Protein backbone atom coordinates (compact mmCIF):
# COMPACT_ATOMS: atom_id res chain seq x y z
CA MET A 1 0.00 0.00 0.00
CA SER A 2 1.06 3.50 -0.67
CA SER A 3 2.27 5.67 2.17
CA THR A 4 0.08 8.48 0.80
CA GLN A 5 -3.12 6.46 1.26
CA ALA A 6 -5.71 8.23 3.39
CA LEU A 7 -6.58 6.80 6.79
CA ARG A 8 -9.97 5.07 6.52
CA ARG A 9 -11.84 2.45 8.53
CA PRO A 10 -12.41 -0.55 6.23
CA ARG A 11 -15.92 -1.94 5.80
CA GLY A 12 -14.67 -5.53 5.63
CA GLY A 13 -12.28 -7.45 7.86
CA ARG A 14 -12.86 -5.42 10.98
CA MET A 15 -13.54 -6.62 14.50
CA LEU A 16 -15.46 -3.71 16.04
CA ALA A 17 -15.34 -0.37 14.27
CA GLY A 18 -12.27 -0.96 12.10
CA VAL A 19 -10.03 1.60 13.78
CA VAL A 20 -7.04 -0.68 14.32
CA ALA A 21 -7.55 -2.37 10.93
CA GLY A 22 -7.49 1.05 9.27
CA LEU A 23 -4.32 2.02 11.10
CA ALA A 24 -2.70 -1.30 10.19
CA ASP A 25 -3.62 -0.86 6.52
CA ARG A 26 -2.36 2.72 6.50
CA PHE A 27 1.04 1.77 7.92
CA GLY A 28 1.41 -1.55 6.09
CA MET A 29 1.17 -3.78 9.17
CA ASP A 30 -0.54 -7.11 9.69
CA ARG A 31 -4.00 -6.45 11.17
CA THR A 32 -3.71 -9.20 13.78
CA LEU A 33 -0.33 -7.97 14.97
CA ALA A 34 -1.64 -4.40 15.19
CA ARG A 35 -4.63 -5.58 17.25
CA VAL A 36 -2.40 -7.52 19.64
CA ILE A 37 -0.09 -4.54 20.07
CA TYR A 38 -3.05 -2.21 20.68
CA VAL A 39 -4.59 -4.51 23.31
CA VAL A 40 -1.26 -5.03 25.12
CA VAL A 41 -0.52 -1.30 25.20
CA SER A 42 -4.07 -0.60 26.40
CA ILE A 43 -3.78 -3.12 29.22
CA ILE A 44 -0.39 -1.80 30.28
CA SER A 45 -1.82 1.72 30.41
CA ALA A 46 -4.75 0.59 32.63
CA ALA A 47 -7.10 0.09 29.62
CA PHE A 48 -9.03 3.36 30.02
CA PRO A 49 -6.83 5.57 27.79
CA GLY A 50 -6.78 2.86 25.09
CA LEU A 51 -10.55 2.55 25.15
CA LEU A 52 -11.02 6.32 25.08
CA VAL A 53 -8.61 6.71 22.15
CA TYR A 54 -10.40 3.91 20.27
CA LEU A 55 -13.79 5.55 20.77
CA LEU A 56 -12.49 8.95 19.67
CA CYS A 57 -10.87 7.44 16.57
CA TRP A 58 -14.12 5.63 15.77
CA PHE A 59 -15.86 8.98 15.37
CA ILE A 60 -12.95 10.88 13.81
CA ILE A 61 -11.67 8.41 11.16
CA PRO A 62 -14.05 8.22 8.20
CA GLU A 63 -15.35 4.89 6.94
CA GLY A 64 -13.88 3.64 3.66
CA ASP A 65 -15.77 2.93 0.46
């Protein structure tokens, strides 16, 4: 994928809202690895900031075509 691709939440292949899948696609990462990293970082940071960031990104990042 191109590094100039816009950040979008995919309609397919997402678990909840597609936030982490969209970030993984944007930065050329494996979606599963990105999800694991996100969950681990959220747990280490007492989960609340990770959940809050996810919810904010859900409303800020537009859905893809």
